[in-house]
PDB file of all heavy atoms in Angstrom:
ATOM      1  N   HIS A   1     135.324 119.871  32.412  1.00  0.00           N
ATOM      2  CA  HIS A   1     135.941 118.550  32.076  1.00  0.00           C
ATOM      3  C   HIS A   1     135.661 118.218  30.701  1.00  0.00           C
ATOM      4  O   HIS A   1     134.666 118.527  30.078  1.00  0.00           O
ATOM      5  CB  HIS A   1     135.388 117.455  33.042  1.00  0.00           C
ATOM      6  CG  HIS A   1     135.693 117.627  34.429  1.00  0.00           C
ATOM      7  ND1 HIS A   1     136.932 117.490  34.974  1.00  0.00           N
ATOM      8  CD2 HIS A   1     134.872 118.077  35.436  1.00  0.00           C
ATOM      9  CE1 HIS A   1     136.872 117.729  36.255  1.00  0.00           C
ATOM     10  NE2 HIS A   1     135.654 118.059  36.611  1.00  0.00           N
ATOM     11  N   LEU A   2     136.631 117.670  30.078  1.00  0.00           N
ATOM     12  CA  LEU A   2     136.500 117.239  28.680  1.00  0.00           C
ATOM     13  C   LEU A   2     136.487 115.789  28.510  1.00  0.00           C
ATOM     14  O   LEU A   2     137.199 115.013  29.175  1.00  0.00           O
ATOM     15  CB  LEU A   2     137.710 117.823  27.884  1.00  0.00           C
ATOM     16  CG  LEU A   2     137.840 119.342  27.745  1.00  0.00           C
ATOM     17  CD1 LEU A   2     139.259 119.674  27.218  1.00  0.00           C
ATOM     18  CD2 LEU A   2     136.789 119.810  26.796  1.00  0.00           C
ATOM     19  N   ASN A   3     135.619 115.292  27.596  1.00  0.00           N
ATOM     20  CA  ASN A   3     135.678 113.871  27.191  1.00  0.00           C
ATOM     21  C   ASN A   3     137.036 113.565  26.706  1.00  0.00           C
ATOM     22  O   ASN A   3     137.516 112.417  26.849  1.00  0.00           O
ATOM     23  CB  ASN A   3     134.609 113.594  26.183  1.00  0.00           C
ATOM     24  CG  ASN A   3     133.169 113.629  26.662  1.00  0.00           C
ATOM     25  OD1 ASN A   3     132.987 113.347  27.825  1.00  0.00           O
ATOM     26  ND2 ASN A   3     132.312 113.875  25.821  1.00  0.00           N
ATOM     27  N   ALA A   4     137.711 114.578  26.072  1.00  0.00           N
ATOM     28  CA  ALA A   4     138.985 114.331  25.520  1.00  0.00           C
ATOM     29  C   ALA A   4     140.016 113.953  26.533  1.00  0.00           C
ATOM     30  O   ALA A   4     140.898 113.055  26.338  1.00  0.00           O
ATOM     31  CB  ALA A   4     139.451 115.608  24.778  1.00  0.00           C
ATOM     32  N   ASP A   5     139.896 114.513  27.745  1.00  0.00           N
ATOM     33  CA  ASP A   5     140.833 114.147  28.824  1.00  0.00           C
ATOM     34  C   ASP A   5     140.666 112.690  29.220  1.00  0.00           C
ATOM     35  O   ASP A   5     141.630 111.961  29.431  1.00  0.00           O
ATOM     36  CB  ASP A   5     140.590 115.013  30.048  1.00  0.00           C
ATOM     37  CG  ASP A   5     141.009 116.449  29.775  1.00  0.00           C
ATOM     38  OD1 ASP A   5     141.905 116.716  29.044  1.00  0.00           O
ATOM     39  OD2 ASP A   5     140.225 117.319  30.340  1.00  0.00           O
ATOM     40  N   HIS A   6     139.462 112.183  29.363  1.00  0.00           N
ATOM     41  CA  HIS A   6     139.159 110.811  29.727  1.00  0.00           C
ATOM     42  C   HIS A   6     139.719 109.896  28.623  1.00  0.00           C
ATOM     43  O   HIS A   6     140.357 108.919  28.863  1.00  0.00           O
ATOM     44  CB  HIS A   6     137.680 110.602  29.911  1.00  0.00           C
ATOM     45  CG  HIS A   6     137.247 109.204  30.054  1.00  0.00           C
ATOM     46  ND1 HIS A   6     137.661 108.464  31.194  1.00  0.00           N
ATOM     47  CD2 HIS A   6     136.708 108.362  29.192  1.00  0.00           C
ATOM     48  CE1 HIS A   6     137.202 107.190  31.006  1.00  0.00           C
ATOM     49  NE2 HIS A   6     136.642 107.090  29.788  1.00  0.00           N
ATOM     50  N   ILE A   7     139.404 110.257  27.344  1.00  0.00           N
ATOM     51  CA  ILE A   7     139.875 109.332  26.260  1.00  0.00           C
ATOM     52  C   ILE A   7     141.392 109.325  26.240  1.00  0.00           C
ATOM     53  O   ILE A   7     141.955 108.189  26.060  1.00  0.00           O
ATOM     54  CB  ILE A   7     139.327 109.868  24.950  1.00  0.00           C
ATOM     55  CG1 ILE A   7     137.840 109.712  24.936  1.00  0.00           C
ATOM     56  CG2 ILE A   7     139.965 109.172  23.771  1.00  0.00           C
ATOM     57  CD1 ILE A   7     137.086 110.405  23.737  1.00  0.00           C
ATOM     58  N   ALA A   8     142.031 110.453  26.363  1.00  0.00           N
ATOM     59  CA  ALA A   8     143.474 110.434  26.334  1.00  0.00           C
ATOM     60  C   ALA A   8     144.093 109.633  27.506  1.00  0.00           C
ATOM     61  O   ALA A   8     145.122 108.954  27.234  1.00  0.00           O
ATOM     62  CB  ALA A   8     143.952 111.933  26.475  1.00  0.00           C
ATOM     63  N   LEU A   9     143.478 109.666  28.655  1.00  0.00           N
ATOM     64  CA  LEU A   9     143.968 108.895  29.799  1.00  0.00           C
ATOM     65  C   LEU A   9     143.754 107.393  29.633  1.00  0.00           C
ATOM     66  O   LEU A   9     144.251 106.626  30.482  1.00  0.00           O
ATOM     67  CB  LEU A   9     143.407 109.442  31.044  1.00  0.00           C
ATOM     68  CG  LEU A   9     143.829 110.774  31.534  1.00  0.00           C
ATOM     69  CD1 LEU A   9     143.024 111.294  32.678  1.00  0.00           C
ATOM     70  CD2 LEU A   9     145.361 110.752  31.870  1.00  0.00           C
ATOM     71  N   ASN A  10     142.880 106.994  28.711  1.00  0.00           N
ATOM     72  CA  ASN A  10     142.610 105.585  28.474  1.00  0.00           C
ATOM     73  C   ASN A  10     143.009 105.105  27.074  1.00  0.00           C
ATOM     74  O   ASN A  10     142.295 104.354  26.503  1.00  0.00           O
ATOM     75  CB  ASN A  10     141.125 105.360  28.771  1.00  0.00           C
ATOM     76  CG  ASN A  10     140.754 105.544  30.186  1.00  0.00           C
ATOM     77  OD1 ASN A  10     141.028 104.653  30.992  1.00  0.00           O
ATOM     78  ND2 ASN A  10     140.230 106.677  30.622  1.00  0.00           N
ATOM     79  N   GLY A  11     144.083 105.639  26.677  1.00  0.00           N
ATOM     80  CA  GLY A  11     144.614 105.244  25.290  1.00  0.00           C
ATOM     81  C   GLY A  11     145.135 103.803  25.257  1.00  0.00           C
ATOM     82  O   GLY A  11     145.224 103.130  26.287  1.00  0.00           O
ATOM     83  N   PRO A  12     145.550 103.424  24.049  1.00  0.00           N
ATOM     84  CA  PRO A  12     146.050 102.071  23.867  1.00  0.00           C
ATOM     85  C   PRO A  12     147.209 101.646  24.813  1.00  0.00           C
ATOM     86  O   PRO A  12     147.300 100.523  25.237  1.00  0.00           O
ATOM     87  CB  PRO A  12     146.452 101.999  22.419  1.00  0.00           C
ATOM     88  CG  PRO A  12     146.008 103.219  21.800  1.00  0.00           C
ATOM     89  CD  PRO A  12     145.610 104.146  22.851  1.00  0.00           C
ATOM     90  N   ASP A  13     148.135 102.609  25.036  1.00  0.00           N
ATOM     91  CA  ASP A  13     149.258 102.218  25.910  1.00  0.00           C
ATOM     92  C   ASP A  13     148.789 101.960  27.315  1.00  0.00           C
ATOM     93  O   ASP A  13     149.306 100.993  27.922  1.00  0.00           O
ATOM     94  CB  ASP A  13     150.367 103.364  25.831  1.00  0.00           C
ATOM     95  CG  ASP A  13     149.720 104.727  26.243  1.00  0.00           C
ATOM     96  OD1 ASP A  13     148.574 104.998  25.998  1.00  0.00           O
ATOM     97  OD2 ASP A  13     150.535 105.677  26.698  1.00  0.00           O
ATOM     98  N   TYR A  14     147.892 102.698  27.789  1.00  0.00           N
ATOM     99  CA  TYR A  14     147.292 102.360  29.146  1.00  0.00           C
ATOM    100  C   TYR A  14     146.617 101.086  29.105  1.00  0.00           C
ATOM    101  O   TYR A  14     146.794 100.277  30.092  1.00  0.00           O
ATOM    102  CB  TYR A  14     146.319 103.495  29.575  1.00  0.00           C
ATOM    103  CG  TYR A  14     145.496 103.097  30.772  1.00  0.00           C
ATOM    104  CD1 TYR A  14     146.123 103.168  32.072  1.00  0.00           C
ATOM    105  CD2 TYR A  14     144.223 102.567  30.637  1.00  0.00           C
ATOM    106  CE1 TYR A  14     145.378 102.743  33.167  1.00  0.00           C
ATOM    107  CE2 TYR A  14     143.517 102.213  31.753  1.00  0.00           C
ATOM    108  CZ  TYR A  14     144.079 102.269  32.986  1.00  0.00           C
ATOM    109  OH  TYR A  14     143.404 101.826  34.122  1.00  0.00           O
ATOM    110  N   VAL A  15     145.749 100.777  28.161  1.00  0.00           N
ATOM    111  CA  VAL A  15     144.941  99.540  28.065  1.00  0.00           C
ATOM    112  C   VAL A  15     145.901  98.390  28.055  1.00  0.00           C
ATOM    113  O   VAL A  15     145.710  97.371  28.761  1.00  0.00           O
ATOM    114  CB  VAL A  15     144.059  99.575  26.903  1.00  0.00           C
ATOM    115  CG1 VAL A  15     143.407  98.221  26.696  1.00  0.00           C
ATOM    116  CG2 VAL A  15     142.985 100.668  27.032  1.00  0.00           C
ATOM    117  N   LEU A  16     146.959  98.451  27.282  1.00  0.00           N
ATOM    118  CA  LEU A  16     147.973  97.279  27.199  1.00  0.00           C
ATOM    119  C   LEU A  16     148.635  97.083  28.500  1.00  0.00           C
ATOM    120  O   LEU A  16     148.827  95.939  28.972  1.00  0.00           O
ATOM    121  CB  LEU A  16     148.876  97.520  26.072  1.00  0.00           C
ATOM    122  CG  LEU A  16     148.271  97.457  24.680  1.00  0.00           C
ATOM    123  CD1 LEU A  16     149.358  97.820  23.614  1.00  0.00           C
ATOM    124  CD2 LEU A  16     147.777  96.066  24.409  1.00  0.00           C
ATOM    125  N   ARG A  17     148.971  98.145  29.240  1.00  0.00           N
ATOM    126  CA  ARG A  17     149.593  98.001  30.608  1.00  0.00           C
ATOM    127  C   ARG A  17     148.586  97.368  31.500  1.00  0.00           C
ATOM    128  O   ARG A  17     148.948  96.555  32.345  1.00  0.00           O
ATOM    129  CB  ARG A  17     150.103  99.366  31.123  1.00  0.00           C
ATOM    130  CG  ARG A  17     151.334  99.863  30.432  1.00  0.00           C
ATOM    131  CD  ARG A  17     151.878 101.085  31.183  1.00  0.00           C
ATOM    132  NE  ARG A  17     150.945 102.071  31.504  1.00  0.00           N
ATOM    133  CZ  ARG A  17     150.655 103.133  30.690  1.00  0.00           C
ATOM    134  NH1 ARG A  17     151.260 103.279  29.615  1.00  0.00           N
ATOM    135  NH2 ARG A  17     149.856 104.053  31.127  1.00  0.00           N
ATOM    136  N   ARG A  18     147.367  97.819  31.497  1.00  0.00           N
ATOM    137  CA  ARG A  18     146.294  97.273  32.398  1.00  0.00           C
ATOM    138  C   ARG A  18     146.097  95.808  32.163  1.00  0.00           C
ATOM    139  O   ARG A  18     145.883  95.042  33.022  1.00  0.00           O
ATOM    140  CB  ARG A  18     144.998  98.083  32.153  1.00  0.00           C
ATOM    141  CG  ARG A  18     143.902  97.673  33.134  1.00  0.00           C
ATOM    142  CD  ARG A  18     144.351  98.065  34.487  1.00  0.00           C
ATOM    143  NE  ARG A  18     143.888  96.968  35.399  1.00  0.00           N
ATOM    144  CZ  ARG A  18     143.768  97.100  36.756  1.00  0.00           C
ATOM    145  NH1 ARG A  18     144.025  98.320  37.313  1.00  0.00           N
ATOM    146  NH2 ARG A  18     143.316  96.184  37.415  1.00  0.00           N
ATOM    147  N   CYS A  19     146.034  95.453  30.842  1.00  0.00           N
ATOM    148  CA  CYS A  19     145.869  93.991  30.486  1.00  0.00           C
ATOM    149  C   CYS A  19     147.008  93.109  31.054  1.00  0.00           C
ATOM    150  O   CYS A  19     146.724  92.084  31.541  1.00  0.00           O
ATOM    151  CB  CYS A  19     145.674  93.863  28.992  1.00  0.00           C
ATOM    152  SG  CYS A  19     144.198  94.467  28.266  1.00  0.00           S
ATOM    153  N   ALA A  20     148.261  93.598  30.900  1.00  0.00           N
ATOM    154  CA  ALA A  20     149.395  92.877  31.405  1.00  0.00           C
ATOM    155  C   ALA A  20     149.258  92.773  32.998  1.00  0.00           C
ATOM    156  O   ALA A  20     149.549  91.659  33.523  1.00  0.00           O
ATOM    157  CB  ALA A  20     150.706  93.582  31.045  1.00  0.00           C
ATOM    158  N   ALA A  21     148.827  93.784  33.679  1.00  0.00           N
ATOM    159  CA  ALA A  21     148.769  93.771  35.066  1.00  0.00           C
ATOM    160  C   ALA A  21     147.618  92.803  35.493  1.00  0.00           C
ATOM    161  O   ALA A  21     147.796  92.055  36.403  1.00  0.00           O
ATOM    162  CB  ALA A  21     148.417  95.146  35.622  1.00  0.00           C
ATOM    163  N   ASP A  22     146.536  92.805  34.783  1.00  0.00           N
ATOM    164  CA  ASP A  22     145.410  91.953  35.113  1.00  0.00           C
ATOM    165  C   ASP A  22     145.798  90.462  34.918  1.00  0.00           C
ATOM    166  O   ASP A  22     145.357  89.624  35.664  1.00  0.00           O
ATOM    167  CB  ASP A  22     144.180  92.235  34.337  1.00  0.00           C
ATOM    168  CG  ASP A  22     143.590  93.585  34.765  1.00  0.00           C
ATOM    169  OD1 ASP A  22     143.951  94.071  35.897  1.00  0.00           O
ATOM    170  OD2 ASP A  22     142.645  94.035  34.061  1.00  0.00           O
ATOM    171  N   ARG A  23     146.625  90.202  33.857  1.00  0.00           N
ATOM    172  CA  ARG A  23     147.100  88.806  33.712  1.00  0.00           C
ATOM    173  C   ARG A  23     147.975  88.357  34.824  1.00  0.00           C
ATOM    174  O   ARG A  23     147.937  87.194  35.239  1.00  0.00           O
ATOM    175  CB  ARG A  23     147.896  88.725  32.373  1.00  0.00           C
ATOM    176  CG  ARG A  23     146.971  88.571  31.188  1.00  0.00           C
ATOM    177  CD  ARG A  23     147.654  87.834  30.025  1.00  0.00           C
ATOM    178  NE  ARG A  23     146.696  87.543  28.993  1.00  0.00           N
ATOM    179  CZ  ARG A  23     146.508  88.436  27.998  1.00  0.00           C
ATOM    180  NH1 ARG A  23     147.162  89.562  27.954  1.00  0.00           N
ATOM    181  NH2 ARG A  23     145.576  88.166  27.066  1.00  0.00           N
ATOM    182  N   LYS A  24     148.735  89.277  35.396  1.00  0.00           N
ATOM    183  CA  LYS A  24     149.515  88.956  36.651  1.00  0.00           C
ATOM    184  C   LYS A  24     148.697  88.610  37.796  1.00  0.00           C
ATOM    185  O   LYS A  24     148.972  87.742  38.591  1.00  0.00           O
ATOM    186  CB  LYS A  24     150.523  90.113  36.925  1.00  0.00           C
ATOM    187  CG  LYS A  24     151.617  90.247  35.913  1.00  0.00           C
ATOM    188  CD  LYS A  24     152.495  91.429  36.197  1.00  0.00           C
ATOM    189  CE  LYS A  24     153.563  91.682  35.166  1.00  0.00           C
ATOM    190  NZ  LYS A  24     154.331  92.920  35.438  1.00  0.00           N
ATOM    191  N   ILE A  25     147.617  89.338  37.886  1.00  0.00           N
ATOM    192  CA  ILE A  25     146.616  89.054  39.004  1.00  0.00           C
ATOM    193  C   ILE A  25     146.054  87.663  38.796  1.00  0.00           C
ATOM    194  O   ILE A  25     145.906  86.878  39.734  1.00  0.00           O
ATOM    195  CB  ILE A  25     145.484  90.137  39.121  1.00  0.00           C
ATOM    196  CG1 ILE A  25     146.156  91.395  39.527  1.00  0.00           C
ATOM    197  CG2 ILE A  25     144.337  89.679  40.037  1.00  0.00           C
ATOM    198  CD1 ILE A  25     145.158  92.658  39.368  1.00  0.00           C
ATOM    199  N   LEU A  26     145.600  87.365  37.622  1.00  0.00           N
ATOM    200  CA  LEU A  26     145.146  85.977  37.344  1.00  0.00           C
ATOM    201  C   LEU A  26     146.049  84.852  37.674  1.00  0.00           C
ATOM    202  O   LEU A  26     145.810  83.903  38.312  1.00  0.00           O
ATOM    203  CB  LEU A  26     144.680  85.899  35.881  1.00  0.00           C
ATOM    204  CG  LEU A  26     143.387  86.447  35.425  1.00  0.00           C
ATOM    205  CD1 LEU A  26     143.169  86.290  33.945  1.00  0.00           C
ATOM    206  CD2 LEU A  26     142.217  85.773  36.199  1.00  0.00           C
ATOM    207  N   ALA A  27     147.333  85.176  37.259  1.00  0.00           N
ATOM    208  CA  ALA A  27     148.409  84.176  37.498  1.00  0.00           C
ATOM    209  C   ALA A  27     148.669  84.054  39.001  1.00  0.00           C
ATOM    210  O   ALA A  27     149.073  82.907  39.480  1.00  0.00           O
ATOM    211  CB  ALA A  27     149.684  84.573  36.813  1.00  0.00           C
TER     212      ALA A  27
END
């Protein structure tokens, strides 16, 4: 396993999608 794989899967595009989803949960 590579740390690179984990980092790539948690890039900015993923984080922004996750933040938007979490705001929907709060709402």
